[in-house]
Every structure is written in C-alpha cells, then in structure tokens.
Amino acid sequence: MRPRHVGAKLLLLALCCYFLVPVWWLLVASTKNAEGLFSGSGALWFNGFHLFENLGDLFTFNNGEFVRWLGNSVLYAFAGGVGCTVISVLAGYGFAKFTFRGRNAVFALVLGSVMVPLTALVIPTFVLMSNVGLTDTIWAVILPSLLSPFAVYLMRVYAAASVPDELLDAARIDGAGELRTFVRVALPLMRPGVITVLLLSVVSTWNNFFLPLTMLSSSKLFPLPVGIGLWTQLASSNNAGGQSLWNLIIVGSLVSIVPLVVAFLTLQKYWQGGLAVGSLK
C-alpha cells in the first residue's frame, strides 16, 4: 500500500470518528437513567439499560406532547418537502428545456437568491404572514418551505445534463404533448435528481428551527426541534423536573433522527446514474 493511500485512509477514519462519535454518545446516553446520565463515568459506554423506560416516559410526558410534535414535524416535512420538490422540478425543467423572454434574467435572480441566508428572510416572511393572518398556523411553516432557489438551480443543472433534447424532439414528433413528454420521458431520466431534491427538502424542513420558532406561538403546533428546544430551556432553568427532563431531551433527540435515517436508507436505491446511456445512437 502506498504511503499516500495510508494517509488518505487515516483521514477518512478520523472523519468517520468525528461524525459517528456524537451519534454513538447519543445512543449510549439514551439507555441511561438520570443517575447514570450525570454520574460522569463511562460517557461512551453503557451503564445499565433503561431505553424502553425512557421511551415510555418520552411518549407519555405532558399528555403525549412529544407525539404531537412528532406528528407536526412529519406534516411539515412531508408537505414542505413534496411541495418544494414538485415546484423545483417543474421550474428547473422549464429553465433548462424551454426558451422564453427573460429566461436568463429570471434564472440569474434565482441564482442570486441562493446567496441570501435563510435566516435573513425569516423576519420579512413573518411580517408577510402576519399581514395575511397566517402566523401561528401550519401554513406559516409550510408555505415558506415550498420555495428553494438552490433546489431550482440543482434541477435546472440536472435536467440540462440528463435529458437530451433529441429525446424530447422525438417524443414531440411522435405526437406526445408537453405534459406527456415531461412525465413519460424527462421525469424518469431526472429521477436521481428528484430524489436528491426531495431528501434535501425534507431534511431542511425537518431540521428547521428558526422559522417555526418565529412563526408559531402555540406549543401544540411546534415541530420537534422547537419542542426539544423548549424542554432544554425548562431543564436549564430547573423547571418541570430539571434533571429528569434531560433524559427526555436525549432520547427525544435520538427518536427525532430515526425518520431521517429511514428515509435515506429507503430512497438511496433510487440514486443511480447513467439512465440515459444507450438511449441515443
């Protein structure tokens, strides 16, 4: 083995440890009770196994508050992720395959908006939602999640690279309309890009903290990040059980990442390239 390969493998091993050690700590800490969690010994190894007890406390605390937050996160992530994917795919395909007046200017505007931090748009979005009376509703979280300039840019680049114009022209010559051409010809070729945008949109909406924190005032509408943040604030101020709440925070954090892991493992088989190879002679 060449020395440069050894260095590269050591670097990859270090990066794996860097990303996996916090996950391992979260898994181990979720199996501990309050006494074991704050004992200060064996932070990275098991000290008793109270995972199921912690899960029971998590799902029953404060009349199932965590379950309500979990359902809210699923709703926001599904509606926002799917809606953002549909809009981004249609917009990206339109920018890539249709010529219309002002296309470059509009796309430049979209591309420029990628550079704007999302947190800088939260306050203007709040003012807009407040003016139309949508604050403290699910729409205050879902509607802003439908728009992603980066997803539009990604689908525009992917559509331009993966969908040959000759295939579209052949479908039109055969009598297919634009909608049928898109659904039957272009969309299957764009599937890896569509799945990528879907996952990025779902993860972004699922992990979004600042937007729902600003838009929502009722705890019944909180998603998981805001709800767990509320528990963290209560635990830090020694209210509502103080130390006992940390068990719920840790095991709740573990449960909150499970849907994302399942989504990645389920959809990764759709990431496959070369779908258009051999379609043209």
C-alpha atoms as a PDB file:
ATOM      1  CA  MET A   1       0.000   0.000   0.000  1.00  0.00           C
ATOM      2  CA  ARG A   2       1.372   3.381  -0.990  1.00  0.00           C
ATOM      3  CA  PRO A   3       2.049   5.926   1.787  1.00  0.00           C
ATOM      4  CA  ARG A   4      -0.351   8.420   0.248  1.00  0.00           C
ATOM      5  CA  HIS A   5      -3.121   5.815   0.397  1.00  0.00           C
ATOM      6  CA  VAL A   6      -2.380   5.227   4.083  1.00  0.00           C
ATOM      7  CA  GLY A   7      -2.705   8.950   4.791  1.00  0.00           C
ATOM      8  CA  ALA A   8      -5.989   9.143   2.884  1.00  0.00           C
ATOM      9  CA  LYS A   9      -7.423   6.165   4.772  1.00  0.00           C
ATOM     10  CA  LEU A  10      -6.349   7.611   8.120  1.00  0.00           C
ATOM     11  CA  LEU A  11      -8.001  10.900   7.212  1.00  0.00           C
ATOM     12  CA  LEU A  12     -11.234   9.113   6.267  1.00  0.00           C
ATOM     13  CA  LEU A  13     -11.095   7.115   9.510  1.00  0.00           C
ATOM     14  CA  ALA A  14     -10.669  10.327  11.507  1.00  0.00           C
ATOM     15  CA  LEU A  15     -13.615  11.926   9.707  1.00  0.00           C
ATOM     16  CA  CYS A  16     -15.774   8.860  10.358  1.00  0.00           C
ATOM     17  CA  CYS A  17     -14.949   9.020  14.059  1.00  0.00           C
ATOM     18  CA  TYR A  18     -15.657  12.747  14.090  1.00  0.00           C
ATOM     19  CA  PHE A  19     -19.177  12.220  12.723  1.00  0.00           C
ATOM     20  CA  LEU A  20     -20.039   8.907  14.394  1.00  0.00           C
ATOM     21  CA  VAL A  21     -18.841   9.507  17.956  1.00  0.00           C
ATOM     22  CA  PRO A  22     -21.657  12.037  18.724  1.00  0.00           C
ATOM     23  CA  VAL A  23     -24.214   9.585  17.337  1.00  0.00           C
ATOM     24  CA  TRP A  24     -22.736   6.789  19.440  1.00  0.00           C
ATOM     25  CA  TRP A  25     -22.834   9.012  22.533  1.00  0.00           C
ATOM     26  CA  LEU A  26     -26.483   9.849  21.850  1.00  0.00           C
ATOM     27  CA  LEU A  27     -27.339   6.160  21.514  1.00  0.00           C
ATOM     28  CA  VAL A  28     -25.488   5.236  24.715  1.00  0.00           C
ATOM     29  CA  ALA A  29     -26.889   8.171  26.689  1.00  0.00           C
ATOM     30  CA  SER A  30     -30.433   7.247  25.647  1.00  0.00           C
ATOM     31  CA  THR A  31     -30.103   3.956  27.529  1.00  0.00           C
ATOM     32  CA  LYS A  32     -29.193   5.606  30.848  1.00  0.00           C
ATOM     33  CA  ASN A  33     -31.402   6.863  33.619  1.00  0.00           C
ATOM     34  CA  ALA A  34     -30.896  10.261  35.257  1.00  0.00           C
ATOM     35  CA  GLU A  35     -28.413   8.898  37.768  1.00  0.00           C
ATOM     36  CA  GLY A  36     -26.301   7.176  35.132  1.00  0.00           C
ATOM     37  CA  LEU A  37     -26.512  10.154  32.799  1.00  0.00           C
ATOM     38  CA  PHE A  38     -24.972  12.518  35.335  1.00  0.00           C
ATOM     39  CA  SER A  39     -22.646  10.055  37.042  1.00  0.00           C
ATOM     40  CA  GLY A  40     -19.675  11.270  34.969  1.00  0.00           C
ATOM     41  CA  SER A  41     -18.286   7.772  34.350  1.00  0.00           C
ATOM     42  CA  GLY A  42     -18.447   5.769  31.149  1.00  0.00           C
ATOM     43  CA  ALA A  43     -19.887   8.510  28.972  1.00  0.00           C
ATOM     44  CA  LEU A  44     -19.235   6.482  25.816  1.00  0.00           C
ATOM     45  CA  TRP A  45     -20.300   3.115  27.184  1.00  0.00           C
ATOM     46  CA  PHE A  46     -23.439   1.540  28.565  1.00  0.00           C
ATOM     47  CA  ASN A  47     -24.231   1.820  32.276  1.00  0.00           C
ATOM     48  CA  GLY A  48     -27.488  -0.039  32.691  1.00  0.00           C
ATOM     49  CA  PHE A  49     -30.183  -0.279  30.030  1.00  0.00           C
ATOM     50  CA  HIS A  50     -33.209   1.963  30.513  1.00  0.00           C
ATOM     51  CA  LEU A  51     -34.011   2.746  26.873  1.00  0.00           C
ATOM     52  CA  PHE A  52     -37.546   1.365  26.890  1.00  0.00           C
ATOM     53  CA  GLU A  53     -38.292   3.041  30.188  1.00  0.00           C
ATOM     54  CA  ASN A  54     -37.063   6.344  28.772  1.00  0.00           C
ATOM     55  CA  LEU A  55     -39.138   5.849  25.627  1.00  0.00           C
ATOM     56  CA  GLY A  56     -42.235   5.219  27.729  1.00  0.00           C
ATOM     57  CA  ASP A  57     -41.620   8.397  29.697  1.00  0.00           C
ATOM     58  CA  LEU A  58     -40.962  10.298  26.465  1.00  0.00           C
ATOM     59  CA  PHE A  59     -44.235   9.371  24.784  1.00  0.00           C
ATOM     60  CA  THR A  60     -46.368   9.906  27.884  1.00  0.00           C
ATOM     61  CA  PHE A  61     -44.819  13.096  29.284  1.00  0.00           C
ATOM     62  CA  ASN A  62     -47.250  16.011  29.496  1.00  0.00           C
ATOM     63  CA  ASN A  63     -50.114  14.083  27.852  1.00  0.00           C
ATOM     64  CA  GLY A  64     -48.060  12.877  24.889  1.00  0.00           C
ATOM     65  CA  GLU A  65     -46.641  16.254  23.960  1.00  0.00           C
ATOM     66  CA  PHE A  66     -43.734  14.674  22.092  1.00  0.00           C
ATOM     67  CA  VAL A  67     -46.074  12.600  19.904  1.00  0.00           C
ATOM     68  CA  ARG A  68     -47.906  15.757  18.879  1.00  0.00           C
ATOM     69  CA  TRP A  69     -44.625  17.439  17.973  1.00  0.00           C
ATOM     70  CA  LEU A  70     -43.556  14.365  16.033  1.00  0.00           C
ATOM     71  CA  GLY A  71     -46.778  14.453  14.024  1.00  0.00           C
ATOM     72  CA  ASN A  72     -46.273  18.150  13.325  1.00  0.00           C
ATOM     73  CA  SER A  73     -42.752  17.518  12.044  1.00  0.00           C
ATOM     74  CA  VAL A  74     -43.993  14.742   9.765  1.00  0.00           C
ATOM     75  CA  LEU A  75     -46.705  17.031   8.393  1.00  0.00           C
ATOM     76  CA  TYR A  76     -44.355  19.963   7.817  1.00  0.00           C
ATOM     77  CA  ALA A  77     -41.603  17.797   6.292  1.00  0.00           C
ATOM     78  CA  PHE A  78     -43.986  15.873   4.018  1.00  0.00           C
ATOM     79  CA  ALA A  79     -45.966  18.870   2.791  1.00  0.00           C
ATOM     80  CA  GLY A  80     -42.955  21.157   2.509  1.00  0.00           C
ATOM     81  CA  GLY A  81     -40.649  18.517   1.039  1.00  0.00           C
ATOM     82  CA  VAL A  82     -43.051  17.187  -1.570  1.00  0.00           C
ATOM     83  CA  GLY A  83     -44.311  20.655  -2.493  1.00  0.00           C
ATOM     84  CA  CYS A  84     -40.797  22.050  -2.804  1.00  0.00           C
ATOM     85  CA  THR A  85     -39.756  19.079  -4.948  1.00  0.00           C
ATOM     86  CA  VAL A  86     -42.689  19.493  -7.341  1.00  0.00           C
ATOM     87  CA  ILE A  87     -42.118  23.230  -7.747  1.00  0.00           C
ATOM     88  CA  SER A  88     -38.341  22.857  -8.113  1.00  0.00           C
ATOM     89  CA  VAL A  89     -38.577  20.051 -10.673  1.00  0.00           C
ATOM     90  CA  LEU A  90     -41.063  21.932 -12.825  1.00  0.00           C
ATOM     91  CA  ALA A  91     -39.133  25.197 -12.572  1.00  0.00           C
ATOM     92  CA  GLY A  92     -35.755  23.566 -13.223  1.00  0.00           C
ATOM     93  CA  TYR A  93     -37.078  21.654 -16.218  1.00  0.00           C
ATOM     94  CA  GLY A  94     -38.651  24.817 -17.606  1.00  0.00           C
ATOM     95  CA  PHE A  95     -35.424  26.793 -17.267  1.00  0.00           C
ATOM     96  CA  ALA A  96     -33.402  24.001 -18.875  1.00  0.00           C
ATOM     97  CA  LYS A  97     -35.615  22.981 -21.795  1.00  0.00           C
ATOM     98  CA  PHE A  98     -37.730  25.973 -22.760  1.00  0.00           C
ATOM     99  CA  THR A  99     -36.684  29.264 -24.316  1.00  0.00           C
ATOM    100  CA  PHE A 100     -38.673  32.331 -23.304  1.00  0.00           C
ATOM    101  CA  ARG A 101     -38.083  36.024 -22.975  1.00  0.00           C
ATOM    102  CA  GLY A 102     -36.221  36.950 -19.812  1.00  0.00           C
ATOM    103  CA  ARG A 103     -35.188  33.379 -19.003  1.00  0.00           C
ATOM    104  CA  ASN A 104     -31.570  34.241 -18.245  1.00  0.00           C
ATOM    105  CA  ALA A 105     -32.532  37.278 -16.178  1.00  0.00           C
ATOM    106  CA  VAL A 106     -35.049  35.326 -14.094  1.00  0.00           C
ATOM    107  CA  PHE A 107     -32.619  32.461 -13.577  1.00  0.00           C
ATOM    108  CA  ALA A 108     -29.898  34.924 -12.575  1.00  0.00           C
ATOM    109  CA  LEU A 109     -32.307  36.311  -9.993  1.00  0.00           C
ATOM    110  CA  VAL A 110     -32.968  32.786  -8.695  1.00  0.00           C
ATOM    111  CA  LEU A 111     -29.255  32.043  -8.627  1.00  0.00           C
ATOM    112  CA  GLY A 112     -28.546  35.270  -6.775  1.00  0.00           C
ATOM    113  CA  SER A 113     -31.152  34.445  -4.141  1.00  0.00           C
ATOM    114  CA  VAL A 114     -29.163  31.315  -3.281  1.00  0.00           C
ATOM    115  CA  MET A 115     -26.578  33.630  -1.730  1.00  0.00           C
ATOM    116  CA  VAL A 116     -29.124  35.146   0.678  1.00  0.00           C
ATOM    117  CA  PRO A 117     -29.035  33.451   4.127  1.00  0.00           C
ATOM    118  CA  LEU A 118     -32.369  31.890   5.011  1.00  0.00           C
ATOM    119  CA  THR A 119     -32.279  33.437   8.473  1.00  0.00           C
ATOM    120  CA  ALA A 120     -32.211  36.887   6.860  1.00  0.00           C
ATOM    121  CA  LEU A 121     -35.598  36.165   5.294  1.00  0.00           C
ATOM    122  CA  VAL A 122     -37.354  34.994   8.449  1.00  0.00           C
ATOM    123  CA  ILE A 123     -38.355  38.445   9.729  1.00  0.00           C
ATOM    124  CA  PRO A 124     -39.678  39.685   6.336  1.00  0.00           C
ATOM    125  CA  THR A 125     -41.534  36.393   5.998  1.00  0.00           C
ATOM    126  CA  PHE A 126     -43.018  36.841   9.461  1.00  0.00           C
ATOM    127  CA  VAL A 127     -44.224  40.345   8.563  1.00  0.00           C
ATOM    128  CA  LEU A 128     -45.774  38.998   5.350  1.00  0.00           C
ATOM    129  CA  MET A 129     -47.507  36.121   7.138  1.00  0.00           C
ATOM    130  CA  SER A 130     -48.704  38.471   9.856  1.00  0.00           C
ATOM    131  CA  ASN A 131     -50.262  40.814   7.294  1.00  0.00           C
ATOM    132  CA  VAL A 132     -52.296  37.970   5.780  1.00  0.00           C
ATOM    133  CA  GLY A 133     -53.190  36.468   9.158  1.00  0.00           C
ATOM    134  CA  LEU A 134     -51.302  33.189   8.820  1.00  0.00           C
ATOM    135  CA  THR A 135     -48.975  33.406  11.803  1.00  0.00           C
ATOM    136  CA  ASP A 136     -49.388  30.676  14.426  1.00  0.00           C
ATOM    137  CA  THR A 137     -50.825  28.328  11.784  1.00  0.00           C
ATOM    138  CA  ILE A 138     -49.328  25.361   9.972  1.00  0.00           C
ATOM    139  CA  TRP A 139     -49.267  27.407   6.751  1.00  0.00           C
ATOM    140  CA  ALA A 140     -46.737  29.794   8.268  1.00  0.00           C
ATOM    141  CA  VAL A 141     -44.259  26.894   8.253  1.00  0.00           C
ATOM    142  CA  ILE A 142     -45.367  25.017   5.130  1.00  0.00           C
ATOM    143  CA  LEU A 143     -45.654  27.883   2.634  1.00  0.00           C
ATOM    144  CA  PRO A 144     -42.107  29.279   3.086  1.00  0.00           C
ATOM    145  CA  SER A 145     -40.763  25.709   2.875  1.00  0.00           C
ATOM    146  CA  LEU A 146     -42.152  25.304  -0.652  1.00  0.00           C
ATOM    147  CA  LEU A 147     -39.570  27.633  -2.184  1.00  0.00           C
ATOM    148  CA  SER A 148     -35.903  26.701  -2.508  1.00  0.00           C
ATOM    149  CA  PRO A 149     -33.720  28.576  -5.019  1.00  0.00           C
ATOM    150  CA  PHE A 150     -30.941  26.028  -4.577  1.00  0.00           C
ATOM    151  CA  ALA A 151     -33.304  23.166  -5.445  1.00  0.00           C
ATOM    152  CA  VAL A 152     -34.419  25.025  -8.580  1.00  0.00           C
ATOM    153  CA  TYR A 153     -30.794  25.577  -9.562  1.00  0.00           C
ATOM    154  CA  LEU A 154     -29.945  21.932  -8.899  1.00  0.00           C
ATOM    155  CA  MET A 155     -32.837  20.648 -11.012  1.00  0.00           C
ATOM    156  CA  ARG A 156     -32.049  23.085 -13.812  1.00  0.00           C
ATOM    157  CA  VAL A 157     -28.465  21.811 -13.994  1.00  0.00           C
ATOM    158  CA  TYR A 158     -29.537  18.177 -13.708  1.00  0.00           C
ATOM    159  CA  ALA A 159     -32.283  18.473 -16.327  1.00  0.00           C
ATOM    160  CA  ALA A 160     -29.921  20.146 -18.779  1.00  0.00           C
ATOM    161  CA  ALA A 161     -27.341  17.380 -18.314  1.00  0.00           C
ATOM    162  CA  SER A 162     -29.528  14.265 -18.076  1.00  0.00           C
ATOM    163  CA  VAL A 163     -32.369  14.892 -20.541  1.00  0.00           C
ATOM    164  CA  PRO A 164     -31.186  15.008 -24.180  1.00  0.00           C
ATOM    165  CA  ASP A 165     -33.071  17.423 -26.387  1.00  0.00           C
ATOM    166  CA  GLU A 166     -33.179  14.756 -29.101  1.00  0.00           C
ATOM    167  CA  LEU A 167     -35.362  12.526 -26.901  1.00  0.00           C
ATOM    168  CA  LEU A 168     -37.796  15.359 -26.285  1.00  0.00           C
ATOM    169  CA  ASP A 169     -37.932  16.181 -30.008  1.00  0.00           C
ATOM    170  CA  ALA A 170     -38.548  12.514 -30.824  1.00  0.00           C
ATOM    171  CA  ALA A 171     -41.434  12.366 -28.354  1.00  0.00           C
ATOM    172  CA  ARG A 172     -42.963  15.519 -29.823  1.00  0.00           C
ATOM    173  CA  ILE A 173     -42.644  14.135 -33.348  1.00  0.00           C
ATOM    174  CA  ASP A 174     -44.479  11.007 -32.177  1.00  0.00           C
ATOM    175  CA  GLY A 175     -47.374  13.221 -31.124  1.00  0.00           C
ATOM    176  CA  ALA A 176     -46.773  13.487 -27.376  1.00  0.00           C
ATOM    177  CA  GLY A 177     -47.783  16.747 -25.722  1.00  0.00           C
ATOM    178  CA  GLU A 178     -45.522  18.682 -23.400  1.00  0.00           C
ATOM    179  CA  LEU A 179     -47.066  17.199 -20.262  1.00  0.00           C
ATOM    180  CA  ARG A 180     -46.780  13.633 -21.533  1.00  0.00           C
ATOM    181  CA  THR A 181     -43.250  14.263 -22.744  1.00  0.00           C
ATOM    182  CA  PHE A 182     -42.282  15.529 -19.321  1.00  0.00           C
ATOM    183  CA  VAL A 183     -43.959  12.710 -17.375  1.00  0.00           C
ATOM    184  CA  ARG A 184     -43.032   9.782 -19.641  1.00  0.00           C
ATOM    185  CA  VAL A 185     -39.637  10.848 -20.992  1.00  0.00           C
ATOM    186  CA  ALA A 186     -37.976  13.547 -18.907  1.00  0.00           C
ATOM    187  CA  LEU A 187     -39.105  12.668 -15.388  1.00  0.00           C
ATOM    188  CA  PRO A 188     -37.711   9.087 -15.362  1.00  0.00           C
ATOM    189  CA  LEU A 189     -34.335  10.415 -16.500  1.00  0.00           C
ATOM    190  CA  MET A 190     -34.418  13.055 -13.772  1.00  0.00           C
ATOM    191  CA  ARG A 191     -35.310  10.610 -11.002  1.00  0.00           C
ATOM    192  CA  PRO A 192     -31.946  10.686  -9.171  1.00  0.00           C
ATOM    193  CA  GLY A 193     -32.065  14.480  -9.116  1.00  0.00           C
ATOM    194  CA  VAL A 194     -35.692  14.449  -7.970  1.00  0.00           C
ATOM    195  CA  ILE A 195     -34.877  12.097  -5.084  1.00  0.00           C
ATOM    196  CA  THR A 196     -31.910  14.270  -4.132  1.00  0.00           C
ATOM    197  CA  VAL A 197     -34.058  17.412  -4.011  1.00  0.00           C
ATOM    198  CA  LEU A 198     -36.770  15.543  -2.093  1.00  0.00           C
ATOM    199  CA  LEU A 199     -34.346  14.370   0.572  1.00  0.00           C
ATOM    200  CA  LEU A 200     -32.670  17.758   0.892  1.00  0.00           C
ATOM    201  CA  SER A 201     -36.050  19.474   1.183  1.00  0.00           C
ATOM    202  CA  VAL A 202     -37.395  17.005   3.740  1.00  0.00           C
ATOM    203  CA  VAL A 203     -34.237  17.200   5.862  1.00  0.00           C
ATOM    204  CA  SER A 204     -34.193  21.006   5.659  1.00  0.00           C
ATOM    205  CA  THR A 205     -37.827  21.289   6.738  1.00  0.00           C
ATOM    206  CA  TRP A 206     -37.477  18.610   9.428  1.00  0.00           C
ATOM    207  CA  ASN A 207     -34.462  20.339  10.997  1.00  0.00           C
ATOM    208  CA  ASN A 208     -35.774  23.878  10.586  1.00  0.00           C
ATOM    209  CA  PHE A 209     -35.712  25.639  13.938  1.00  0.00           C
ATOM    210  CA  PHE A 210     -35.695  29.407  13.473  1.00  0.00           C
ATOM    211  CA  LEU A 211     -38.681  29.648  11.096  1.00  0.00           C
ATOM    212  CA  PRO A 212     -41.229  27.757  13.260  1.00  0.00           C
ATOM    213  CA  LEU A 213     -39.792  29.374  16.392  1.00  0.00           C
ATOM    214  CA  THR A 214     -40.589  32.775  14.885  1.00  0.00           C
ATOM    215  CA  MET A 215     -43.915  31.905  13.281  1.00  0.00           C
ATOM    216  CA  LEU A 216     -45.539  29.787  15.982  1.00  0.00           C
ATOM    217  CA  SER A 217     -46.590  30.740  19.492  1.00  0.00           C
ATOM    218  CA  SER A 218     -48.761  27.737  20.348  1.00  0.00           C
ATOM    219  CA  SER A 219     -46.787  24.748  21.630  1.00  0.00           C
ATOM    220  CA  LYS A 220     -49.368  22.435  20.034  1.00  0.00           C
ATOM    221  CA  LEU A 221     -48.030  23.442  16.599  1.00  0.00           C
ATOM    222  CA  PHE A 222     -44.327  23.110  17.436  1.00  0.00           C
ATOM    223  CA  PRO A 223     -42.171  20.702  15.401  1.00  0.00           C
ATOM    224  CA  LEU A 224     -39.615  18.510  17.145  1.00  0.00           C
ATOM    225  CA  PRO A 225     -36.611  20.907  17.048  1.00  0.00           C
ATOM    226  CA  VAL A 226     -38.593  23.728  18.670  1.00  0.00           C
ATOM    227  CA  GLY A 227     -40.272  21.378  21.151  1.00  0.00           C
ATOM    228  CA  ILE A 228     -36.996  19.814  22.257  1.00  0.00           C
ATOM    229  CA  GLY A 229     -35.540  23.317  22.496  1.00  0.00           C
ATOM    230  CA  LEU A 230     -38.405  24.246  24.817  1.00  0.00           C
ATOM    231  CA  TRP A 231     -37.632  21.250  27.022  1.00  0.00           C
ATOM    232  CA  THR A 232     -33.957  22.219  27.037  1.00  0.00           C
ATOM    233  CA  GLN A 233     -34.861  25.693  28.240  1.00  0.00           C
ATOM    234  CA  LEU A 234     -37.052  24.245  31.001  1.00  0.00           C
ATOM    235  CA  ALA A 235     -34.359  21.778  32.059  1.00  0.00           C
ATOM    236  CA  SER A 236     -31.718  24.504  32.141  1.00  0.00           C
ATOM    237  CA  SER A 237     -33.881  26.649  34.385  1.00  0.00           C
ATOM    238  CA  ASN A 238     -34.596  23.656  36.672  1.00  0.00           C
ATOM    239  CA  ASN A 239     -38.318  23.798  35.973  1.00  0.00           C
ATOM    240  CA  ALA A 240     -40.595  20.815  35.263  1.00  0.00           C
ATOM    241  CA  GLY A 241     -38.278  18.282  36.793  1.00  0.00           C
ATOM    242  CA  GLY A 242     -34.968  19.804  35.753  1.00  0.00           C
ATOM    243  CA  GLN A 243     -32.540  16.923  35.677  1.00  0.00           C
ATOM    244  CA  SER A 244     -35.213  14.338  34.796  1.00  0.00           C
ATOM    245  CA  LEU A 245     -36.066  16.285  31.655  1.00  0.00           C
ATOM    246  CA  TRP A 246     -32.585  15.703  30.246  1.00  0.00           C
ATOM    247  CA  ASN A 247     -33.427  12.012  29.769  1.00  0.00           C
ATOM    248  CA  LEU A 248     -36.408  13.002  27.663  1.00  0.00           C
ATOM    249  CA  ILE A 249     -34.345  15.507  25.689  1.00  0.00           C
ATOM    250  CA  ILE A 250     -31.665  12.948  24.847  1.00  0.00           C
ATOM    251  CA  VAL A 251     -33.957  10.061  23.939  1.00  0.00           C
ATOM    252  CA  GLY A 252     -36.207  12.513  22.052  1.00  0.00           C
ATOM    253  CA  SER A 253     -33.201  13.647  20.026  1.00  0.00           C
ATOM    254  CA  LEU A 254     -32.465  10.018  19.221  1.00  0.00           C
ATOM    255  CA  VAL A 255     -36.039   9.369  18.092  1.00  0.00           C
ATOM    256  CA  SER A 256     -36.032  12.557  16.003  1.00  0.00           C
ATOM    257  CA  ILE A 257     -33.205  11.318  13.750  1.00  0.00           C
ATOM    258  CA  VAL A 258     -34.723   7.875  13.134  1.00  0.00           C
ATOM    259  CA  PRO A 259     -37.184   9.025  10.400  1.00  0.00           C
ATOM    260  CA  LEU A 260     -34.352  10.754   8.518  1.00  0.00           C
ATOM    261  CA  VAL A 261     -32.172   7.645   8.671  1.00  0.00           C
ATOM    262  CA  VAL A 262     -35.080   5.517   7.432  1.00  0.00           C
ATOM    263  CA  ALA A 263     -35.751   7.975   4.608  1.00  0.00           C
ATOM    264  CA  PHE A 264     -32.131   7.901   3.445  1.00  0.00           C
ATOM    265  CA  LEU A 265     -31.903   4.098   3.611  1.00  0.00           C
ATOM    266  CA  THR A 266     -35.215   3.702   1.774  1.00  0.00           C
ATOM    267  CA  LEU A 267     -34.539   6.176  -1.030  1.00  0.00           C
ATOM    268  CA  GLN A 268     -30.846   5.553  -1.622  1.00  0.00           C
ATOM    269  CA  LYS A 269     -31.612   2.760  -4.111  1.00  0.00           C
ATOM    270  CA  TYR A 270     -33.102   5.364  -6.434  1.00  0.00           C
ATOM    271  CA  TRP A 271     -29.774   7.167  -6.673  1.00  0.00           C
ATOM    272  CA  GLN A 272     -28.469   5.638  -9.852  1.00  0.00           C
ATOM    273  CA  GLY A 273     -26.780   7.325 -12.721  1.00  0.00           C
ATOM    274  CA  GLY A 274     -26.433   6.540 -16.372  1.00  0.00           C
ATOM    275  CA  LEU A 275     -30.157   6.142 -17.042  1.00  0.00           C
ATOM    276  CA  ALA A 276     -29.820   7.864 -20.387  1.00  0.00           C
ATOM    277  CA  VAL A 277     -26.820   5.842 -21.500  1.00  0.00           C
ATOM    278  CA  GLY A 278     -27.642   3.992 -24.702  1.00  0.00           C
ATOM    279  CA  SER A 279     -30.829   5.911 -25.358  1.00  0.00           C
ATOM    280  CA  LEU A 280     -29.242   7.698 -28.303  1.00  0.00           C
ATOM    281  CA  LYS A 281     -27.210   6.350 -31.159  1.00  0.00           C
END
